[in-house]
Amino acid sequence: MTTGKFSEQRVGVLVDIQNMYYSAKVLYKKKVDFKEVLKVGVSGRKLIRAIAYGIRTLEGLEKNFFEALQKSGFEVRTKDLQIFPGGAKKGDWDVGITVDAVKLAQHLDVVVLVTGDGDYIPLVEYLQNTRGCRVEVIAFAESASSKLIEAADDFQNLSENKKKFLI
């Protein structure tokens, strides 16, 4: 069976930072090495865009982390954490990542989604069936949606090589 990865493919890597951060923290009490994740996502192909989507908190503790991501080759998109009356907090990029993936798809052969969030299944199917893109998912199998893994053309389980992907 071939992997479906060829050096001339144009690749876009889209990272749902929150999803990956909390998965690594809950599963292993560690942080993700996004530089290594990017290398595996690209796999020797032509990187067109690498975008990491993050949430800014009031404390601003993530500033250094976002700068490190930029040095690793990512464009970093951020938005503020929403805090609702009553204290509920919300911060996700599902719609932003989806819109970017749809817009970028015309320039890409492969979209790599770095997330385990099952909310992306309709996006995966759209990219495959309407845009003809290969969609690869990189996540921790234990916290990834099995249906997302199933829908993807390829799945890279970060848990299989914790030394490489965790700090």
N, C-alpha and C. Protein backbone atom coordinates (compact mmCIF):
# COMPACT_ATOMS: atom_id res chain seq x y z
N MET A 1 0.84 -1.19 0.00
CA MET A 1 0.00 0.00 0.00
C MET A 1 0.88 1.25 0.00
N THR A 2 0.59 2.19 -0.88
CA THR A 2 1.38 3.43 -0.90
C THR A 2 0.84 4.40 0.13
N THR A 3 1.71 5.28 0.55
CA THR A 3 1.29 6.24 1.58
C THR A 3 0.50 7.40 0.97
N GLY A 4 0.64 7.61 -0.33
CA GLY A 4 -0.04 8.74 -0.95
C GLY A 4 0.69 10.06 -0.75
N LYS A 5 1.94 9.98 -0.27
CA LYS A 5 2.73 11.19 -0.05
C LYS A 5 3.81 11.28 -1.12
N PHE A 6 3.80 12.38 -1.87
CA PHE A 6 4.76 12.58 -2.96
C PHE A 6 5.42 13.93 -2.80
N SER A 7 6.70 14.01 -3.14
CA SER A 7 7.48 15.23 -2.89
C SER A 7 6.93 16.48 -3.57
N GLU A 8 6.22 16.31 -4.69
CA GLU A 8 5.71 17.50 -5.39
C GLU A 8 4.37 18.01 -4.84
N GLN A 9 3.79 17.32 -3.88
CA GLN A 9 2.52 17.78 -3.32
C GLN A 9 2.68 19.09 -2.57
N ARG A 10 1.69 19.99 -2.76
CA ARG A 10 1.66 21.26 -2.03
C ARG A 10 0.84 21.04 -0.76
N VAL A 11 1.45 21.38 0.36
CA VAL A 11 0.86 21.06 1.67
C VAL A 11 0.55 22.32 2.48
N GLY A 12 -0.57 22.28 3.16
CA GLY A 12 -0.92 23.29 4.15
C GLY A 12 -1.14 22.59 5.48
N VAL A 13 -0.53 23.11 6.55
CA VAL A 13 -0.65 22.52 7.88
C VAL A 13 -1.40 23.51 8.76
N LEU A 14 -2.54 23.07 9.30
CA LEU A 14 -3.38 23.93 10.15
C LEU A 14 -3.47 23.31 11.54
N VAL A 15 -3.01 24.06 12.54
CA VAL A 15 -2.90 23.52 13.90
C VAL A 15 -3.91 24.17 14.85
N ASP A 16 -4.73 23.34 15.45
CA ASP A 16 -5.66 23.75 16.50
C ASP A 16 -4.88 23.65 17.82
N ILE A 17 -4.21 24.75 18.19
CA ILE A 17 -3.31 24.73 19.37
C ILE A 17 -4.04 24.26 20.63
N GLN A 18 -5.21 24.80 20.89
CA GLN A 18 -5.92 24.48 22.13
C GLN A 18 -6.18 22.97 22.22
N ASN A 19 -6.67 22.38 21.13
CA ASN A 19 -6.98 20.95 21.13
C ASN A 19 -5.72 20.13 21.45
N MET A 20 -4.62 20.47 20.82
CA MET A 20 -3.38 19.71 21.02
C MET A 20 -2.77 19.96 22.39
N TYR A 21 -2.82 21.21 22.83
CA TYR A 21 -2.25 21.57 24.14
C TYR A 21 -2.95 20.80 25.26
N TYR A 22 -4.29 20.83 25.25
CA TYR A 22 -5.03 20.16 26.32
C TYR A 22 -4.93 18.65 26.23
N SER A 23 -4.88 18.10 25.02
CA SER A 23 -4.70 16.65 24.88
C SER A 23 -3.38 16.21 25.50
N ALA A 24 -2.29 16.91 25.17
CA ALA A 24 -0.97 16.55 25.69
C ALA A 24 -0.92 16.72 27.21
N LYS A 25 -1.54 17.79 27.68
CA LYS A 25 -1.53 18.08 29.11
C LYS A 25 -2.31 17.02 29.90
N VAL A 26 -3.50 16.69 29.41
CA VAL A 26 -4.34 15.72 30.11
C VAL A 26 -3.76 14.31 30.02
N LEU A 27 -3.32 13.91 28.81
CA LEU A 27 -2.82 12.55 28.62
C LEU A 27 -1.46 12.32 29.26
N TYR A 28 -0.54 13.28 29.11
CA TYR A 28 0.85 13.04 29.49
C TYR A 28 1.46 14.08 30.41
N LYS A 29 0.69 15.13 30.75
CA LYS A 29 1.21 16.23 31.55
C LYS A 29 2.47 16.83 30.90
N LYS A 30 2.46 16.93 29.58
CA LYS A 30 3.59 17.48 28.82
C LYS A 30 3.06 18.46 27.78
N LYS A 31 4.01 19.04 27.02
CA LYS A 31 3.65 19.97 25.95
C LYS A 31 4.02 19.35 24.60
N VAL A 32 3.34 19.80 23.57
CA VAL A 32 3.60 19.31 22.22
C VAL A 32 4.79 20.04 21.61
N ASP A 33 5.66 19.29 20.94
CA ASP A 33 6.76 19.89 20.18
C ASP A 33 6.22 20.16 18.77
N PHE A 34 5.70 21.37 18.57
CA PHE A 34 5.04 21.71 17.31
C PHE A 34 6.02 21.76 16.14
N LYS A 35 7.30 21.99 16.41
CA LYS A 35 8.31 21.99 15.35
C LYS A 35 8.40 20.59 14.73
N GLU A 36 8.40 19.57 15.58
CA GLU A 36 8.43 18.17 15.11
C GLU A 36 7.13 17.81 14.40
N VAL A 37 6.02 18.30 14.92
CA VAL A 37 4.72 18.03 14.30
C VAL A 37 4.70 18.61 12.88
N LEU A 38 5.26 19.81 12.72
CA LEU A 38 5.31 20.44 11.40
C LEU A 38 6.14 19.59 10.43
N LYS A 39 7.30 19.10 10.90
CA LYS A 39 8.15 18.27 10.05
C LYS A 39 7.40 17.04 9.55
N VAL A 40 6.69 16.37 10.45
CA VAL A 40 5.94 15.17 10.09
C VAL A 40 4.78 15.52 9.16
N GLY A 41 4.15 16.65 9.42
CA GLY A 41 3.05 17.08 8.57
C GLY A 41 3.49 17.35 7.14
N VAL A 42 4.63 17.96 7.01
CA VAL A 42 5.16 18.30 5.68
C VAL A 42 5.74 17.04 5.00
N SER A 43 6.43 16.22 5.74
CA SER A 43 6.99 14.95 5.23
C SER A 43 7.75 15.10 3.91
N GLY A 44 8.62 16.10 3.83
CA GLY A 44 9.44 16.26 2.63
C GLY A 44 8.72 16.82 1.42
N ARG A 45 7.51 17.29 1.61
CA ARG A 45 6.74 17.86 0.50
C ARG A 45 6.89 19.38 0.49
N LYS A 46 6.19 20.06 -0.42
CA LYS A 46 6.29 21.52 -0.54
C LYS A 46 5.33 22.20 0.43
N LEU A 47 5.87 22.84 1.44
CA LEU A 47 5.03 23.55 2.41
C LEU A 47 4.61 24.89 1.80
N ILE A 48 3.31 25.09 1.69
CA ILE A 48 2.77 26.35 1.19
C ILE A 48 2.41 27.27 2.35
N ARG A 49 1.70 26.75 3.33
CA ARG A 49 1.33 27.53 4.52
C ARG A 49 1.31 26.62 5.74
N ALA A 50 1.77 27.14 6.86
CA ALA A 50 1.64 26.47 8.16
C ALA A 50 1.06 27.52 9.10
N ILE A 51 -0.15 27.28 9.56
CA ILE A 51 -0.83 28.25 10.42
C ILE A 51 -1.22 27.58 11.73
N ALA A 52 -0.86 28.24 12.82
CA ALA A 52 -1.24 27.76 14.15
C ALA A 52 -2.24 28.76 14.73
N TYR A 53 -3.32 28.24 15.28
CA TYR A 53 -4.43 29.06 15.77
C TYR A 53 -4.47 28.98 17.29
N GLY A 54 -4.30 30.13 17.96
CA GLY A 54 -4.25 30.14 19.41
C GLY A 54 -5.16 31.15 20.05
N ILE A 55 -5.29 31.02 21.35
CA ILE A 55 -6.15 31.90 22.13
C ILE A 55 -5.27 32.71 23.09
N ARG A 56 -5.49 34.03 23.11
CA ARG A 56 -4.79 34.90 24.06
C ARG A 56 -5.59 35.00 25.35
N THR A 57 -4.89 34.88 26.47
CA THR A 57 -5.56 35.06 27.77
C THR A 57 -5.25 36.45 28.30
N LEU A 58 -5.96 36.85 29.32
CA LEU A 58 -5.73 38.17 29.93
C LEU A 58 -4.31 38.27 30.49
N GLU A 59 -3.80 37.16 31.04
CA GLU A 59 -2.46 37.17 31.65
C GLU A 59 -1.36 37.32 30.60
N GLY A 60 -1.64 36.87 29.38
CA GLY A 60 -0.66 36.99 28.30
C GLY A 60 0.53 36.04 28.41
N LEU A 61 0.37 34.94 29.16
CA LEU A 61 1.47 34.00 29.38
C LEU A 61 1.87 33.26 28.11
N GLU A 62 0.99 33.25 27.12
CA GLU A 62 1.26 32.48 25.90
C GLU A 62 2.11 33.24 24.88
N LYS A 63 2.44 34.50 25.16
CA LYS A 63 3.19 35.34 24.21
C LYS A 63 4.50 34.67 23.75
N ASN A 64 5.31 34.18 24.68
CA ASN A 64 6.58 33.53 24.33
C ASN A 64 6.36 32.27 23.50
N PHE A 65 5.31 31.54 23.87
CA PHE A 65 4.97 30.32 23.13
C PHE A 65 4.61 30.66 21.68
N PHE A 66 3.81 31.70 21.47
CA PHE A 66 3.44 32.10 20.11
C PHE A 66 4.67 32.55 19.32
N GLU A 67 5.59 33.24 19.98
CA GLU A 67 6.83 33.66 19.31
C GLU A 67 7.67 32.45 18.91
N ALA A 68 7.72 31.44 19.78
CA ALA A 68 8.47 30.22 19.47
C ALA A 68 7.85 29.50 18.27
N LEU A 69 6.53 29.51 18.19
CA LEU A 69 5.85 28.90 17.04
C LEU A 69 6.25 29.61 15.74
N GLN A 70 6.31 30.95 15.80
CA GLN A 70 6.70 31.71 14.61
C GLN A 70 8.12 31.35 14.18
N LYS A 71 9.02 31.21 15.14
CA LYS A 71 10.40 30.84 14.83
C LYS A 71 10.48 29.43 14.25
N SER A 72 9.49 28.59 14.57
CA SER A 72 9.46 27.21 14.05
C SER A 72 8.85 27.13 12.66
N GLY A 73 8.39 28.26 12.13
CA GLY A 73 7.87 28.26 10.76
C GLY A 73 6.37 28.44 10.62
N PHE A 74 5.69 28.70 11.72
CA PHE A 74 4.23 28.90 11.67
C PHE A 74 3.86 30.37 11.56
N GLU A 75 2.78 30.63 10.82
CA GLU A 75 2.09 31.91 10.96
C GLU A 75 1.19 31.68 12.17
N VAL A 76 1.12 32.63 13.08
CA VAL A 76 0.29 32.44 14.27
C VAL A 76 -0.90 33.38 14.21
N ARG A 77 -2.08 32.82 14.31
CA ARG A 77 -3.31 33.62 14.37
C ARG A 77 -3.84 33.49 15.79
N THR A 78 -4.19 34.64 16.38
CA THR A 78 -4.71 34.58 17.75
C THR A 78 -5.99 35.37 17.87
N LYS A 79 -6.75 35.00 18.88
CA LYS A 79 -7.90 35.80 19.27
C LYS A 79 -8.03 35.69 20.78
N ASP A 80 -8.76 36.64 21.35
CA ASP A 80 -8.91 36.69 22.80
C ASP A 80 -9.86 35.63 23.31
N LEU A 81 -9.54 35.12 24.48
CA LEU A 81 -10.43 34.22 25.19
C LEU A 81 -11.69 35.00 25.55
N GLN A 82 -12.84 34.43 25.25
CA GLN A 82 -14.10 35.09 25.62
C GLN A 82 -14.48 34.64 27.02
N ILE A 83 -14.82 35.60 27.87
CA ILE A 83 -15.28 35.27 29.22
C ILE A 83 -16.68 35.83 29.36
N PHE A 84 -17.63 34.92 29.61
CA PHE A 84 -19.03 35.30 29.67
C PHE A 84 -19.45 35.65 31.09
N PRO A 85 -20.52 36.46 31.23
CA PRO A 85 -21.05 36.73 32.58
C PRO A 85 -21.33 35.38 33.25
N GLY A 86 -20.90 35.23 34.47
CA GLY A 86 -21.07 33.94 35.13
C GLY A 86 -19.77 33.15 35.10
N GLY A 87 -18.78 33.64 34.34
CA GLY A 87 -17.46 33.02 34.38
C GLY A 87 -17.15 31.97 33.31
N ALA A 88 -18.14 31.56 32.52
CA ALA A 88 -17.87 30.57 31.47
C ALA A 88 -16.87 31.14 30.47
N LYS A 89 -15.96 30.28 30.00
CA LYS A 89 -14.94 30.73 29.06
C LYS A 89 -15.07 29.96 27.75
N LYS A 90 -14.78 30.66 26.65
CA LYS A 90 -14.82 30.00 25.36
C LYS A 90 -13.68 30.52 24.51
N GLY A 91 -13.00 29.60 23.87
CA GLY A 91 -11.93 29.99 22.96
C GLY A 91 -11.68 28.87 21.98
N ASP A 92 -12.26 28.95 20.82
CA ASP A 92 -11.93 27.96 19.82
C ASP A 92 -11.89 28.58 18.43
N TRP A 93 -11.23 27.87 17.55
CA TRP A 93 -10.97 28.38 16.21
C TRP A 93 -11.64 27.52 15.14
N ASP A 94 -12.59 26.67 15.52
CA ASP A 94 -13.16 25.71 14.56
C ASP A 94 -13.61 26.38 13.27
N VAL A 95 -14.37 27.46 13.38
CA VAL A 95 -14.89 28.13 12.18
C VAL A 95 -13.75 28.80 11.41
N GLY A 96 -12.83 29.46 12.10
CA GLY A 96 -11.70 30.13 11.44
C GLY A 96 -10.81 29.14 10.69
N ILE A 97 -10.52 28.01 11.31
CA ILE A 97 -9.70 26.98 10.66
C ILE A 97 -10.43 26.43 9.44
N THR A 98 -11.72 26.20 9.60
CA THR A 98 -12.52 25.66 8.49
C THR A 98 -12.53 26.62 7.31
N VAL A 99 -12.77 27.90 7.57
CA VAL A 99 -12.81 28.90 6.49
C VAL A 99 -11.44 28.97 5.81
N ASP A 100 -10.36 29.00 6.59
CA ASP A 100 -9.02 29.05 5.99
C ASP A 100 -8.75 27.80 5.15
N ALA A 101 -9.13 26.65 5.64
CA ALA A 101 -8.90 25.40 4.90
C ALA A 101 -9.62 25.43 3.55
N VAL A 102 -10.86 25.90 3.56
CA VAL A 102 -11.65 25.98 2.32
C VAL A 102 -11.00 26.98 1.35
N LYS A 103 -10.57 28.13 1.88
CA LYS A 103 -9.94 29.15 1.03
C LYS A 103 -8.60 28.66 0.47
N LEU A 104 -7.80 27.98 1.29
CA LEU A 104 -6.48 27.53 0.87
C LEU A 104 -6.53 26.31 -0.05
N ALA A 105 -7.60 25.54 0.03
CA ALA A 105 -7.68 24.25 -0.68
C ALA A 105 -7.38 24.36 -2.17
N GLN A 106 -7.77 25.48 -2.79
CA GLN A 106 -7.53 25.62 -4.23
C GLN A 106 -6.03 25.70 -4.57
N HIS A 107 -5.19 25.99 -3.58
CA HIS A 107 -3.75 26.10 -3.80
C HIS A 107 -2.98 24.90 -3.24
N LEU A 108 -3.70 23.92 -2.71
CA LEU A 108 -3.06 22.80 -2.03
C LEU A 108 -3.48 21.45 -2.60
N ASP A 109 -2.60 20.47 -2.45
CA ASP A 109 -2.93 19.08 -2.77
C ASP A 109 -3.29 18.34 -1.48
N VAL A 110 -2.70 18.80 -0.39
CA VAL A 110 -2.88 18.13 0.91
C VAL A 110 -3.15 19.17 1.99
N VAL A 111 -4.18 18.91 2.79
CA VAL A 111 -4.45 19.73 3.97
C VAL A 111 -4.17 18.82 5.18
N VAL A 112 -3.26 19.27 6.04
CA VAL A 112 -2.95 18.53 7.26
C VAL A 112 -3.61 19.26 8.42
N LEU A 113 -4.54 18.58 9.07
CA LEU A 113 -5.22 19.14 10.25
C LEU A 113 -4.58 18.55 11.49
N VAL A 114 -4.05 19.43 12.34
CA VAL A 114 -3.43 18.97 13.58
C VAL A 114 -4.45 19.22 14.69
N THR A 115 -5.31 18.22 14.87
CA THR A 115 -6.40 18.27 15.84
C THR A 115 -7.05 16.90 15.92
N GLY A 116 -7.69 16.64 17.03
CA GLY A 116 -8.45 15.39 17.14
C GLY A 116 -9.94 15.66 17.20
N ASP A 117 -10.34 16.90 16.95
CA ASP A 117 -11.72 17.35 17.12
C ASP A 117 -12.64 16.82 16.01
N GLY A 118 -13.61 16.04 16.41
CA GLY A 118 -14.57 15.46 15.47
C GLY A 118 -15.43 16.48 14.75
N ASP A 119 -15.46 17.72 15.23
CA ASP A 119 -16.23 18.77 14.55
C ASP A 119 -15.70 19.03 13.14
N TYR A 120 -14.48 18.59 12.85
CA TYR A 120 -13.88 18.83 11.54
C TYR A 120 -14.27 17.80 10.48
N ILE A 121 -15.05 16.79 10.84
CA ILE A 121 -15.41 15.74 9.87
C ILE A 121 -16.09 16.31 8.62
N PRO A 122 -17.07 17.21 8.74
CA PRO A 122 -17.67 17.77 7.52
C PRO A 122 -16.64 18.52 6.66
N LEU A 123 -15.67 19.17 7.28
CA LEU A 123 -14.60 19.85 6.54
C LEU A 123 -13.76 18.83 5.78
N VAL A 124 -13.38 17.75 6.45
CA VAL A 124 -12.57 16.70 5.81
C VAL A 124 -13.29 16.18 4.58
N GLU A 125 -14.57 15.87 4.73
CA GLU A 125 -15.34 15.32 3.62
C GLU A 125 -15.50 16.34 2.49
N TYR A 126 -15.69 17.60 2.83
CA TYR A 126 -15.80 18.65 1.81
C TYR A 126 -14.49 18.77 1.02
N LEU A 127 -13.36 18.84 1.74
CA LEU A 127 -12.06 18.98 1.08
C LEU A 127 -11.77 17.80 0.16
N GLN A 128 -12.12 16.60 0.60
CA GLN A 128 -11.87 15.40 -0.19
C GLN A 128 -12.79 15.34 -1.42
N ASN A 129 -14.07 15.54 -1.20
CA ASN A 129 -15.07 15.29 -2.24
C ASN A 129 -15.31 16.47 -3.18
N THR A 130 -15.15 17.69 -2.68
CA THR A 130 -15.44 18.86 -3.50
C THR A 130 -14.16 19.47 -4.05
N ARG A 131 -13.10 19.47 -3.25
CA ARG A 131 -11.84 20.11 -3.66
C ARG A 131 -10.80 19.10 -4.16
N GLY A 132 -11.04 17.82 -3.94
CA GLY A 132 -10.08 16.81 -4.39
C GLY A 132 -8.79 16.81 -3.60
N CYS A 133 -8.82 17.37 -2.42
CA CYS A 133 -7.61 17.40 -1.57
C CYS A 133 -7.50 16.12 -0.75
N ARG A 134 -6.27 15.73 -0.53
CA ARG A 134 -5.98 14.68 0.43
C ARG A 134 -6.02 15.37 1.80
N VAL A 135 -6.61 14.72 2.79
CA VAL A 135 -6.66 15.31 4.13
C VAL A 135 -6.00 14.34 5.11
N GLU A 136 -4.98 14.86 5.79
CA GLU A 136 -4.27 14.06 6.77
C GLU A 136 -4.50 14.68 8.15
N VAL A 137 -4.61 13.83 9.15
CA VAL A 137 -4.85 14.28 10.51
C VAL A 137 -3.68 13.84 11.39
N ILE A 138 -3.23 14.76 12.23
CA ILE A 138 -2.18 14.47 13.21
C ILE A 138 -2.77 14.78 14.58
N ALA A 139 -2.75 13.79 15.49
CA ALA A 139 -3.33 13.98 16.82
C ALA A 139 -2.90 12.83 17.72
N PHE A 140 -3.35 12.88 18.96
CA PHE A 140 -3.16 11.77 19.90
C PHE A 140 -4.38 10.86 19.75
N ALA A 141 -4.17 9.61 19.40
CA ALA A 141 -5.29 8.70 19.13
C ALA A 141 -6.26 8.61 20.32
N GLU A 142 -5.72 8.65 21.55
CA GLU A 142 -6.57 8.49 22.74
C GLU A 142 -7.59 9.62 22.90
N SER A 143 -7.26 10.79 22.36
CA SER A 143 -8.18 11.92 22.54
C SER A 143 -8.75 12.40 21.21
N ALA A 144 -8.52 11.64 20.14
CA ALA A 144 -9.03 12.04 18.82
C ALA A 144 -10.33 11.31 18.53
N SER A 145 -11.19 11.97 17.79
CA SER A 145 -12.44 11.36 17.35
C SER A 145 -12.13 10.20 16.41
N SER A 146 -12.67 9.01 16.72
CA SER A 146 -12.42 7.84 15.85
C SER A 146 -13.02 8.07 14.47
N LYS A 147 -14.12 8.80 14.41
CA LYS A 147 -14.75 9.09 13.11
C LYS A 147 -13.89 10.06 12.28
N LEU A 148 -13.19 10.99 12.96
CA LEU A 148 -12.28 11.89 12.25
C LEU A 148 -11.12 11.08 11.67
N ILE A 149 -10.57 10.18 12.48
CA ILE A 149 -9.46 9.33 12.03
C ILE A 149 -9.88 8.51 10.81
N GLU A 150 -11.09 7.97 10.89
CA GLU A 150 -11.65 7.16 9.80
C GLU A 150 -11.84 7.98 8.52
N ALA A 151 -12.29 9.21 8.66
CA ALA A 151 -12.57 10.07 7.50
C ALA A 151 -11.28 10.53 6.81
N ALA A 152 -10.20 10.66 7.57
CA ALA A 152 -8.94 11.18 7.02
C ALA A 152 -8.30 10.19 6.06
N ASP A 153 -7.53 10.72 5.11
CA ASP A 153 -6.78 9.87 4.18
C ASP A 153 -5.58 9.23 4.88
N ASP A 154 -5.08 9.90 5.91
CA ASP A 154 -3.94 9.39 6.65
C ASP A 154 -4.04 9.92 8.07
N PHE A 155 -3.58 9.13 9.04
CA PHE A 155 -3.60 9.56 10.43
C PHE A 155 -2.24 9.28 11.06
N GLN A 156 -1.66 10.31 11.67
CA GLN A 156 -0.40 10.17 12.39
C GLN A 156 -0.71 10.28 13.88
N ASN A 157 -0.48 9.19 14.60
CA ASN A 157 -0.75 9.15 16.03
C ASN A 157 0.49 9.62 16.80
N LEU A 158 0.40 10.80 17.40
CA LEU A 158 1.54 11.36 18.13
C LEU A 158 1.93 10.51 19.33
N SER A 159 0.99 9.73 19.86
CA SER A 159 1.27 8.90 21.03
C SER A 159 2.22 7.75 20.70
N GLU A 160 2.36 7.42 19.42
CA GLU A 160 3.26 6.32 19.03
C GLU A 160 4.72 6.70 19.17
N ASN A 161 5.01 8.01 19.26
CA ASN A 161 6.40 8.44 19.41
C ASN A 161 6.46 9.64 20.37
N LYS A 162 6.14 9.36 21.61
CA LYS A 162 6.06 10.42 22.62
C LYS A 162 7.38 11.17 22.79
N LYS A 163 8.51 10.47 22.70
CA LYS A 163 9.82 11.14 22.86
C LYS A 163 10.01 12.22 21.81
N LYS A 164 9.53 11.96 20.61
CA LYS A 164 9.73 12.88 19.49
C LYS A 164 8.77 14.08 19.57
N PHE A 165 7.54 13.83 19.99
CA PHE A 165 6.49 14.86 19.86
C PHE A 165 6.12 15.57 21.16
N LEU A 166 6.70 15.15 22.28
CA LEU A 166 6.36 15.79 23.56
C LEU A 166 7.60 16.39 24.19
N ILE A 167 7.40 17.53 24.88
CA ILE A 167 8.49 18.20 25.57
C ILE A 167 8.21 18.10 27.07
